[in-house]
C-alpha atoms as a PDB file:
ATOM      1  CA  UNK A   1       1.675  13.156 -13.793  1.00  0.00           C
ATOM      2  CA  UNK A   2       3.187  15.192 -10.988  1.00  0.00           C
ATOM      3  CA  UNK A   3       5.301  17.415 -13.241  1.00  0.00           C
ATOM      4  CA  UNK A   4       2.418  19.062 -15.129  1.00  0.00           C
ATOM      5  CA  UNK A   5       0.603  19.807 -11.873  1.00  0.00           C
ATOM      6  CA  UNK A   6       3.718  21.303 -10.284  1.00  0.00           C
ATOM      7  CA  UNK A   7       4.563  23.301 -13.417  1.00  0.00           C
ATOM      8  CA  UNK A   8       1.033  24.669 -13.644  1.00  0.00           C
ATOM      9  CA  UNK A   9       1.017  25.580  -9.967  1.00  0.00           C
ATOM     10  CA  UNK A  10       4.369  27.368 -10.151  1.00  0.00           C
ATOM     11  CA  UNK A  11       4.151  29.092 -13.528  1.00  0.00           C
ATOM     12  CA  UNK A  12       0.582  30.384 -13.243  1.00  0.00           C
ATOM     13  CA  UNK A  13       0.774  31.369  -9.567  1.00  0.00           C
ATOM     14  CA  UNK A  14      -1.903  28.831  -8.700  1.00  0.00           C
ATOM     15  CA  UNK A  15      -0.354  27.212  -5.677  1.00  0.00           C
ATOM     16  CA  UNK A  16      -3.727  25.872  -4.531  1.00  0.00           C
ATOM     17  CA  UNK A  17      -4.161  24.009  -7.811  1.00  0.00           C
ATOM     18  CA  UNK A  18      -0.715  22.447  -7.452  1.00  0.00           C
ATOM     19  CA  UNK A  19      -1.409  21.474  -3.854  1.00  0.00           C
ATOM     20  CA  UNK A  20      -4.777  19.934  -4.729  1.00  0.00           C
ATOM     21  CA  UNK A  21      -3.203  17.959  -7.571  1.00  0.00           C
ATOM     22  CA  UNK A  22      -0.481  16.710  -5.197  1.00  0.00           C
ATOM     23  CA  UNK A  23      -3.076  15.574  -2.652  1.00  0.00           C
ATOM     24  CA  UNK A  24      -5.075  13.748  -5.330  1.00  0.00           C
ATOM     25  CA  UNK A  25      -1.910  12.079  -6.639  1.00  0.00           C
ATOM     26  CA  UNK A  26      -0.997  11.039  -3.098  1.00  0.00           C
ATOM     27  CA  UNK A  27      -4.436   9.557  -2.455  1.00  0.00           C
ATOM     28  CA  UNK A  28      -4.401   7.583  -5.714  1.00  0.00           C
ATOM     29  CA  UNK A  29      -0.927   6.258  -4.874  1.00  0.00           C
ATOM     30  CA  UNK A  30      -2.029   5.351  -1.353  1.00  0.00           C
ATOM     31  CA  UNK A  31      -5.026   3.368  -2.613  1.00  0.00           C
ATOM     32  CA  UNK A  32      -2.840   1.484  -5.095  1.00  0.00           C
ATOM     33  CA  UNK A  33      -0.269   0.654  -2.406  1.00  0.00           C
ATOM     34  CA  UNK A  34      -2.923  -0.551   0.052  1.00  0.00           C
ATOM     35  CA  UNK A  35      -4.529  -2.816  -2.544  1.00  0.00           C
ATOM     36  CA  UNK A  36      -1.123  -4.222  -3.481  1.00  0.00           C
ATOM     37  CA  UNK A  37      -0.207  -4.829   0.162  1.00  0.00           C
ATOM     38  CA  UNK A  38      -3.501  -6.632   0.729  1.00  0.00           C
ATOM     39  CA  UNK A  39      -2.814  -9.044  -2.118  1.00  0.00           C
ATOM     40  CA  UNK A  40       0.787  -9.621  -1.039  1.00  0.00           C
ATOM     41  CA  UNK A  41      -0.245 -10.259   2.564  1.00  0.00           C
ATOM     42  CA  UNK A  42      -2.877 -12.792   1.478  1.00  0.00           C
ATOM     43  CA  UNK A  43      -0.360 -14.528  -0.768  1.00  0.00           C
ATOM     44  CA  UNK A  44       2.259 -14.685   1.976  1.00  0.00           C
ATOM     45  CA  UNK A  45      -0.219 -15.990   4.522  1.00  0.00           C
ATOM     46  CA  UNK A  46      -1.424 -18.650   2.079  1.00  0.00           C
ATOM     47  CA  UNK A  47       2.157 -19.785   1.505  1.00  0.00           C
ATOM     48  CA  UNK A  48       2.869 -19.857   5.217  1.00  0.00           C
ATOM     49  CA  UNK A  49      -0.058 -22.066   6.239  1.00  0.00           C
ATOM     50  CA  UNK A  50      -1.023 -24.746   3.712  1.00  0.00           C
ATOM     51  CA  UNK A  51      -4.792 -25.082   3.217  1.00  0.00           C
ATOM     52  CA  UNK A  52      -5.283 -22.404   5.876  1.00  0.00           C
ATOM     53  CA  UNK A  53      -4.879 -24.896   8.728  1.00  0.00           C
ATOM     54  CA  UNK A  54      -2.755 -23.262  11.383  1.00  0.00           C
ATOM     55  CA  UNK A  55       0.916 -22.480  11.201  1.00  0.00           C
ATOM     56  CA  UNK A  56       3.911 -24.600  10.239  1.00  0.00           C
ATOM     57  CA  UNK A  57       5.426 -24.719  13.701  1.00  0.00           C
ATOM     58  CA  UNK A  58       5.011 -27.949  15.620  1.00  0.00           C
ATOM     59  CA  UNK A  59       3.187 -27.641  18.901  1.00  0.00           C
ATOM     60  CA  UNK A  60       5.275 -27.690  22.033  1.00  0.00           C
ATOM     61  CA  UNK A  61       4.626 -30.470  24.439  1.00  0.00           C
ATOM     62  CA  UNK A  62       5.727 -30.194  28.025  1.00  0.00           C
ATOM     63  CA  UNK A  63       7.194 -33.240  29.625  1.00  0.00           C
ATOM     64  CA  UNK A  64       7.993 -33.138  33.302  1.00  0.00           C
END
């Protein structure tokens, strides 16, 4: 997808077109990465705390 935009921008002296295509490609990639990270973070948090009830670490009790 990036090659045709870069080729068109370089061969036809339309640098603005190539730059705009690169920005659009970057934005699409960014949205995909953010959505993926959201799902991975939710999955990891669900695995870390079963049934969403706190963390797995035992509470510390102070004894004097």
